[in-house]
Amino acid sequence: MTKKILLFDMDGVLLTPGGYHQALTATVLRIGKALGIPAAELTEDQIAHFEALSVTNEWDSAAISAALILLEAWRFDPDICLGYQPLTADVLTDQAPKINAFLDTFNKVGDLPTVSAYQKITRENPWLNANQRDYLEKILYNSRDIYQSPTLPWHQETVLGSMAFQDNYGLEPRLNIESFLTIYDRTVMSVETKRIIQTWLGDHDHRAGIMTNRPSSTPAGYLSSPEAELGAKLVELDHLPLLGSGMLAWFAVTQCALPDHTFLKPNPVHALALMQMCLGESAENGLKLAYDLWRGEGIRGDWVKFNNCQVTIFEDAVKGLQSGKAARTLLASVNVDVDMHLIGISNHPIKKRELEKIADHVCPDINQVDWGEI
């Protein structure tokens, strides 16, 4: 019988990422108040626009938003900057930062959106002085470094809650709040959809896994946070193999001497390694096999078990579907044919428009999927 594998993205597919969106909104508003720009409020449309551009890591979108807030603040106070201690500065202007205008022309995002944002912002604002450029570089180039970023500690304390933030990072909490993931995340799946998936998984030839760019647990000695595991537990799919950004970063840095973002979606290693995990490989071995295939050293014997396999990817962002397409191409290079189905999940017009360019089908949510066709 044909093997069938389902690869689920987490946020926007299995659950509504209310916690991340609320944390991002709260963080940007807090940054705005600290810089004298109290109208710095991200809308849901702006968040969706970030995600449609494949800026799906809130660490990056928070940093980019902070940079755009600073552009407004510096027109009134050229020396203002962020302090680690949250504060409310005197109001400089009631004008909002020009986030929409930036996103409408952010055409070359690349693998590191904040680096691309820095290049765009500095190119289009020649009035910035050397100190301002240096400070923008500090914010945008360190968006994912909890110990160097001026914005990330505020965001992560909001996401994890003050106690877990201190336990995980060893940093002094400043906000005295509960985890926004616990408060605001909600499962998308209906009781009926959960029943259908569990019944489907009862077939020995049916497997599934969770492919997410959320931070995840890692081997001892490498810093990450178990946000992916919290999400899997919430949707009651914590028994499935899960591959998050923590393990991908750990493997890239410690095993391959590569930048920590290398294997994140849209890189095919993400999808390929999780496919191996779905058929019983450990995360480390699955990543090693995927890495070898990616760099042209894979052998057919490691992948022949996927020949004629049907793989269906459920994603709310283009880059996850790109990971699947690239994985199929690499498998074809070792004469392994995979029947790949790409299903976009979104009811937001901006995201739907981008997903329709690559997906085989786009559904409003996972409960609307025609499971009889899977």
Protein backbone atom coordinates (compact mmCIF):
# COMPACT_ATOMS: atom_id res chain seq x y z
CA MET A 1 0.00 0.00 0.00
CA THR A 2 1.20 3.56 -0.76
CA LYS A 3 2.70 5.40 2.18
CA LYS A 4 1.07 8.72 2.95
CA ILE A 5 2.61 11.47 5.06
CA LEU A 6 1.02 14.68 6.31
CA LEU A 7 3.28 17.59 7.26
CA PHE A 8 1.48 20.27 9.26
CA ASP A 9 2.68 23.78 9.86
CA MET A 10 1.63 24.89 13.35
CA ASP A 11 0.71 28.56 13.55
CA GLY A 12 -2.18 29.43 11.27
CA VAL A 13 -2.84 25.77 10.47
CA LEU A 14 -3.19 23.71 13.65
CA LEU A 15 -3.71 26.67 15.93
CA THR A 16 -4.55 30.33 15.79
CA PRO A 17 -1.36 32.05 16.92
CA GLY A 18 -3.13 34.57 19.08
CA GLY A 19 -0.27 34.55 21.56
CA TYR A 20 2.39 35.47 19.02
CA HIS A 21 0.26 38.10 17.34
CA GLN A 22 -0.80 39.62 20.65
CA ALA A 23 2.79 39.56 21.89
CA LEU A 24 4.02 41.19 18.69
CA THR A 25 1.36 43.87 18.89
CA ALA A 26 2.11 44.50 22.58
CA THR A 27 5.85 44.62 21.95
CA VAL A 28 5.59 47.09 19.08
CA LEU A 29 3.21 49.29 21.07
CA ARG A 30 5.61 49.18 24.04
CA ILE A 31 8.52 50.15 21.76
CA GLY A 32 6.46 52.99 20.32
CA LYS A 33 5.63 54.38 23.75
CA ALA A 34 9.26 54.11 24.82
CA LEU A 35 10.26 56.14 21.76
CA GLY A 36 7.52 58.77 22.04
CA ILE A 37 5.42 57.30 19.19
CA PRO A 38 2.27 56.02 20.95
CA ALA A 39 0.41 55.44 17.65
CA ALA A 40 2.75 52.54 16.80
CA GLU A 41 0.11 49.83 16.71
CA LEU A 42 0.41 46.89 14.33
CA THR A 43 -2.85 45.86 12.70
CA GLU A 44 -3.82 42.31 11.75
CA ASP A 45 -3.52 43.33 8.10
CA GLN A 46 0.05 44.50 8.67
CA ILE A 47 0.93 41.25 10.44
CA ALA A 48 -0.62 39.31 7.55
CA HIS A 49 1.38 41.42 5.11
CA PHE A 50 4.62 40.60 6.96
CA GLU A 51 3.73 36.90 6.78
CA ALA A 52 2.74 37.07 3.11
CA LEU A 53 6.26 38.40 2.47
CA SER A 54 7.61 35.35 4.37
CA VAL A 55 8.57 37.45 7.38
CA THR A 56 6.94 34.95 9.72
CA ASN A 57 9.34 35.21 12.65
CA GLU A 58 7.95 37.80 15.07
CA TRP A 59 11.50 38.44 16.28
CA ASP A 60 12.20 39.89 12.83
CA SER A 61 8.93 41.76 12.37
CA ALA A 62 9.29 43.34 15.83
CA ALA A 63 12.80 44.53 14.97
CA ILE A 64 11.73 45.89 11.58
CA SER A 65 8.80 47.68 13.20
CA ALA A 66 11.15 49.17 15.81
CA ALA A 67 13.42 50.46 13.05
CA LEU A 68 10.46 52.14 11.32
CA ILE A 69 9.33 53.67 14.62
CA LEU A 70 12.84 55.05 15.12
CA LEU A 71 12.73 56.72 11.71
CA GLU A 72 9.75 58.74 12.92
CA ALA A 73 11.23 59.43 16.37
CA TRP A 74 14.57 60.61 14.99
CA ARG A 75 12.85 63.38 13.05
CA PHE A 76 12.13 64.98 16.44
CA ASP A 77 14.91 63.65 18.65
CA PRO A 78 17.93 62.40 16.68
CA ASP A 79 19.53 60.80 19.77
CA ILE A 80 16.63 58.79 21.20
CA CYS A 81 17.12 55.03 21.56
CA LEU A 82 15.62 52.05 23.35
CA GLY A 83 16.52 51.17 26.91
CA TYR A 84 16.19 47.62 28.19
CA GLN A 85 13.94 48.87 31.00
CA PRO A 86 10.45 49.52 29.53
CA LEU A 87 9.44 53.14 29.86
CA THR A 88 7.07 55.72 28.47
CA ALA A 89 8.77 58.68 26.87
CA ASP A 90 7.29 62.10 26.23
CA VAL A 91 5.16 62.05 23.10
CA LEU A 92 7.12 63.26 20.10
CA THR A 93 4.33 62.92 17.54
CA ASP A 94 0.92 61.34 17.18
CA GLN A 95 1.81 60.16 13.67
CA ALA A 96 2.08 56.40 13.14
CA PRO A 97 5.24 54.85 11.65
CA LYS A 98 5.05 54.24 7.90
CA ILE A 99 4.78 50.45 8.13
CA ASN A 100 2.34 50.04 5.23
CA ALA A 101 4.48 52.06 2.86
CA PHE A 102 7.52 49.99 3.81
CA LEU A 103 5.76 46.64 3.34
CA ASP A 104 4.26 47.68 0.01
CA THR A 105 7.76 48.13 -1.40
CA PHE A 106 9.64 45.40 0.51
CA ASN A 107 10.26 43.32 -2.59
CA LYS A 108 13.61 41.67 -1.84
CA VAL A 109 13.19 39.99 1.52
CA GLY A 110 15.74 37.18 1.26
CA ASP A 111 16.65 34.60 3.91
CA LEU A 112 17.38 37.28 6.53
CA PRO A 113 14.54 39.80 6.35
CA THR A 114 16.06 42.16 8.89
CA VAL A 115 19.30 42.46 6.94
CA SER A 116 17.30 43.22 3.78
CA ALA A 117 15.25 45.73 5.78
CA TYR A 118 18.41 47.47 7.00
CA GLN A 119 19.68 47.78 3.43
CA LYS A 120 16.36 49.17 2.22
CA ILE A 121 15.91 51.61 5.11
CA THR A 122 19.43 53.03 4.94
CA ARG A 123 19.31 53.27 1.15
CA GLU A 124 16.01 55.16 1.16
CA ASN A 125 16.87 57.49 4.08
CA PRO A 126 20.20 59.12 3.25
CA TRP A 127 19.65 61.69 6.02
CA LEU A 128 20.49 59.08 8.69
CA ASN A 129 23.74 59.87 10.50
CA ALA A 130 26.45 57.37 11.37
CA ASN A 131 25.19 56.76 14.93
CA GLN A 132 21.67 56.16 13.72
CA ARG A 133 22.84 53.71 11.07
CA ASP A 134 24.90 51.86 13.67
CA TYR A 135 21.91 51.64 16.00
CA LEU A 136 19.65 50.34 13.24
CA GLU A 137 22.30 47.72 12.49
CA LYS A 138 22.34 46.70 16.15
CA ILE A 139 18.56 46.24 16.16
CA LEU A 140 18.18 44.58 12.78
CA TYR A 141 21.27 42.38 12.67
CA ASN A 142 20.69 41.11 16.22
CA SER A 143 16.93 40.53 15.95
CA ARG A 144 17.33 36.84 16.93
CA ASP A 145 19.99 37.25 19.61
CA ILE A 146 18.34 37.51 23.02
CA TYR A 147 21.50 38.89 24.62
CA GLN A 148 22.27 41.55 21.98
CA SER A 149 18.89 42.66 20.67
CA PRO A 150 17.26 45.77 22.19
CA THR A 151 13.80 44.43 21.20
CA LEU A 152 13.84 40.64 21.62
CA PRO A 153 13.88 40.48 25.45
CA TRP A 154 10.64 42.46 25.61
CA HIS A 155 9.01 40.18 23.06
CA GLN A 156 10.21 36.89 24.54
CA GLU A 157 9.16 37.81 28.06
CA THR A 158 5.70 38.54 26.66
CA VAL A 159 5.61 35.25 24.76
CA LEU A 160 6.90 32.99 27.55
CA GLY A 161 5.78 34.87 30.64
CA SER A 162 8.16 36.43 33.13
CA MET A 163 9.01 33.29 35.12
CA ALA A 164 9.71 31.07 32.12
CA PHE A 165 11.67 33.90 30.48
CA GLN A 166 13.98 34.11 33.48
CA ASP A 167 14.35 30.32 33.73
CA ASN A 168 15.08 29.88 30.04
CA TYR A 169 17.41 32.82 29.39
CA GLY A 170 18.77 33.73 32.81
CA LEU A 171 17.73 37.33 32.25
CA GLU A 172 15.97 39.53 34.76
CA PRO A 173 12.27 39.83 33.89
CA ARG A 174 10.86 43.34 33.63
CA LEU A 175 7.16 42.98 32.84
CA ASN A 176 5.65 40.66 35.47
CA ILE A 177 3.26 38.97 33.01
CA GLU A 178 1.92 35.54 32.11
CA SER A 179 2.73 33.78 28.85
CA PHE A 180 0.72 35.17 25.96
CA LEU A 181 0.89 31.72 24.33
CA THR A 182 -1.01 30.26 27.26
CA ILE A 183 -3.51 33.12 27.36
CA TYR A 184 -4.24 33.71 23.66
CA ASP A 185 -3.37 30.63 21.53
CA ARG A 186 -6.40 28.63 20.39
CA THR A 187 -6.68 25.34 18.55
CA VAL A 188 -8.17 25.60 15.06
CA MET A 189 -9.15 21.96 14.68
CA SER A 190 -12.72 21.03 15.41
CA VAL A 191 -13.53 17.89 17.37
CA GLU A 192 -14.52 16.23 14.09
CA THR A 193 -11.25 17.17 12.37
CA LYS A 194 -9.24 15.78 15.29
CA ARG A 195 -11.25 12.56 15.06
CA ILE A 196 -10.66 12.29 11.30
CA ILE A 197 -6.90 12.81 11.67
CA GLN A 198 -6.58 10.32 14.51
CA THR A 199 -8.59 7.74 12.55
CA TRP A 200 -6.46 8.39 9.47
CA LEU A 201 -3.30 7.86 11.52
CA GLY A 202 -4.61 4.48 12.62
CA ASP A 203 -3.49 3.04 9.28
CA HIS A 204 0.10 1.72 9.56
CA ASP A 205 1.07 3.35 6.25
CA HIS A 206 -0.17 6.76 7.32
CA ARG A 207 2.21 9.10 9.15
CA ALA A 208 2.25 12.76 10.13
CA GLY A 209 4.57 15.36 11.62
CA ILE A 210 4.70 19.02 12.57
CA MET A 211 7.00 21.32 10.57
CA THR A 212 7.29 24.67 12.32
CA ASN A 213 9.64 27.59 12.55
CA ARG A 214 8.69 28.03 16.21
CA PRO A 215 11.60 27.74 18.63
CA SER A 216 11.84 24.20 19.99
CA SER A 217 13.77 22.12 22.49
CA THR A 218 17.38 21.26 21.68
CA PRO A 219 20.16 19.07 23.05
CA ALA A 220 21.79 20.36 26.22
CA GLY A 221 24.13 23.27 25.74
CA TYR A 222 22.28 25.01 22.91
CA LEU A 223 19.85 27.80 23.80
CA SER A 224 16.28 27.68 22.52
CA SER A 225 12.82 27.66 24.09
CA PRO A 226 10.10 24.96 23.90
CA GLU A 227 7.45 27.07 22.18
CA ALA A 228 6.76 24.44 19.50
CA GLU A 229 6.19 21.78 22.14
CA LEU A 230 3.72 24.06 23.95
CA GLY A 231 1.77 24.43 20.71
CA ALA A 232 1.76 20.69 19.97
CA LYS A 233 0.44 19.98 23.46
CA LEU A 234 -2.30 22.58 23.04
CA VAL A 235 -3.61 20.93 19.86
CA GLU A 236 -3.22 17.43 21.37
CA LEU A 237 -0.75 16.29 18.71
CA ASP A 238 2.33 16.14 20.93
CA HIS A 239 2.67 12.44 20.07
CA LEU A 240 3.71 13.35 16.51
CA PRO A 241 7.29 13.96 15.36
CA LEU A 242 8.04 17.67 15.53
CA LEU A 243 10.85 19.64 13.92
CA GLY A 244 11.18 23.26 14.99
CA SER A 245 13.70 26.03 14.56
CA GLY A 246 15.61 25.11 17.71
CA MET A 247 16.75 21.73 16.38
CA LEU A 248 17.38 23.17 12.92
CA ALA A 249 19.58 25.90 14.40
CA TRP A 250 21.40 23.44 16.68
CA PHE A 251 22.18 21.17 13.74
CA ALA A 252 23.29 24.01 11.47
CA VAL A 253 25.60 25.60 14.04
CA THR A 254 27.01 22.62 15.95
CA GLN A 255 27.06 19.91 13.29
CA CYS A 256 27.59 21.84 10.05
CA ALA A 257 29.29 25.12 11.09
CA LEU A 258 26.59 27.04 9.22
CA PRO A 259 24.46 30.05 10.21
CA ASP A 260 21.60 29.12 12.53
CA HIS A 261 18.89 30.10 10.01
CA THR A 262 20.25 27.94 7.17
CA PHE A 263 17.75 25.07 7.31
CA LEU A 264 14.57 26.96 8.15
CA LYS A 265 11.75 26.85 5.63
CA PRO A 266 11.95 27.41 2.64
CA ASN A 267 15.09 25.24 2.82
CA PRO A 268 14.16 21.67 1.78
CA VAL A 269 16.13 20.20 4.69
CA HIS A 270 13.23 21.11 6.99
CA ALA A 271 10.70 19.06 5.04
CA LEU A 272 13.11 16.23 4.20
CA ALA A 273 14.30 15.70 7.77
CA LEU A 274 10.75 15.64 9.11
CA MET A 275 9.77 13.09 6.46
CA GLN A 276 12.56 10.85 7.75
CA MET A 277 11.36 11.40 11.33
CA CYS A 278 7.83 10.40 10.32
CA LEU A 279 9.22 7.03 9.22
CA GLY A 280 11.11 6.47 12.45
CA GLU A 281 14.46 8.27 12.21
CA SER A 282 15.68 10.40 15.10
CA ALA A 283 15.76 14.14 14.58
CA GLU A 284 19.55 14.15 14.43
CA ASN A 285 19.78 11.32 11.91
CA GLY A 286 16.91 12.71 9.85
CA LEU A 287 18.70 16.05 9.65
CA LYS A 288 21.98 14.38 8.68
CA LEU A 289 20.34 12.44 5.85
CA ALA A 290 18.54 15.56 4.63
CA TYR A 291 21.72 17.63 4.83
CA ASP A 292 23.65 15.07 2.77
CA LEU A 293 20.95 15.10 0.09
CA TRP A 294 20.84 18.90 0.08
CA ARG A 295 24.59 19.21 -0.51
CA GLY A 296 24.57 16.57 -3.27
CA GLU A 297 25.97 13.65 -1.29
CA GLY A 298 22.77 11.73 -0.62
CA ILE A 299 22.29 8.18 -1.82
CA ARG A 300 19.12 6.61 -3.16
CA GLY A 301 19.21 3.86 -0.55
CA ASP A 302 18.49 6.36 2.23
CA TRP A 303 15.41 7.69 0.43
CA VAL A 304 14.01 4.82 -1.63
CA LYS A 305 11.43 4.14 1.11
CA PHE A 306 9.72 7.35 -0.02
CA ASN A 307 9.46 6.27 -3.67
CA ASN A 308 5.85 6.74 -4.85
CA CYS A 309 4.96 8.08 -1.39
CA GLN A 310 2.23 10.73 -1.15
CA VAL A 311 3.26 13.74 0.91
CA THR A 312 0.75 16.48 1.72
CA ILE A 313 1.92 19.77 3.24
CA PHE A 314 -0.48 22.11 5.03
CA GLU A 315 0.91 25.65 5.27
CA ASP A 316 -0.30 29.19 5.79
CA ALA A 317 2.89 30.73 4.38
CA VAL A 318 4.52 30.37 1.00
CA LYS A 319 7.94 29.35 2.30
CA GLY A 320 6.67 26.11 3.82
CA LEU A 321 5.26 25.08 0.45
CA GLN A 322 8.52 26.09 -1.18
CA SER A 323 10.32 23.74 1.22
CA GLY A 324 8.12 20.91 -0.03
CA LYS A 325 8.65 21.71 -3.71
CA ALA A 326 12.41 21.90 -3.23
CA ALA A 327 12.35 18.61 -1.30
CA ARG A 328 10.56 16.90 -4.19
CA THR A 329 13.19 18.21 -6.62
CA LEU A 330 16.06 16.89 -4.50
CA LEU A 331 14.42 13.48 -4.18
CA ALA A 332 14.02 13.34 -7.95
CA SER A 333 17.80 13.89 -8.21
CA VAL A 334 18.30 10.42 -6.64
CA ASN A 335 15.48 8.89 -8.69
CA VAL A 336 12.90 8.92 -5.91
CA ASP A 337 9.48 10.04 -7.08
CA VAL A 338 7.19 11.64 -4.51
CA ASP A 339 3.59 12.66 -5.11
CA MET A 340 3.63 16.06 -3.40
CA HIS A 341 0.40 17.89 -2.58
CA LEU A 342 0.62 21.51 -1.42
CA ILE A 343 -2.35 22.87 0.48
CA GLY A 344 -2.45 26.51 1.52
CA ILE A 345 -4.45 27.37 4.61
CA SER A 346 -5.71 30.93 5.05
CA ASN A 347 -8.83 33.04 4.86
CA HIS A 348 -6.93 36.32 4.74
CA PRO A 349 -7.01 37.88 1.24
CA ILE A 350 -3.38 39.03 1.30
CA LYS A 351 -2.05 35.62 2.31
CA LYS A 352 -4.48 33.73 0.03
CA ARG A 353 -3.27 35.70 -2.96
CA GLU A 354 0.33 34.63 -2.34
CA LEU A 355 -0.53 31.03 -1.50
CA GLU A 356 -2.56 30.60 -4.67
CA LYS A 357 0.60 31.23 -6.69
CA ILE A 358 2.16 27.96 -5.46
CA ALA A 359 -0.44 25.77 -3.73
CA ASP A 360 -2.49 23.05 -5.40
CA HIS A 361 -5.45 24.13 -3.28
CA VAL A 362 -6.15 26.88 -0.75
CA CYS A 363 -8.66 26.33 2.06
CA PRO A 364 -9.94 28.87 4.61
CA ASP A 365 -8.91 26.60 7.50
CA ILE A 366 -7.97 23.02 8.18
CA ASN A 367 -11.56 22.07 8.97
CA GLN A 368 -12.48 22.82 5.34
CA VAL A 369 -9.98 20.33 3.87
CA ASP A 370 -11.53 17.53 1.84
CA TRP A 371 -10.07 14.67 3.86
CA GLY A 372 -11.54 12.13 1.45
CA GLU A 373 -8.96 13.32 -1.10
CA ILE A 374 -5.96 12.92 1.23
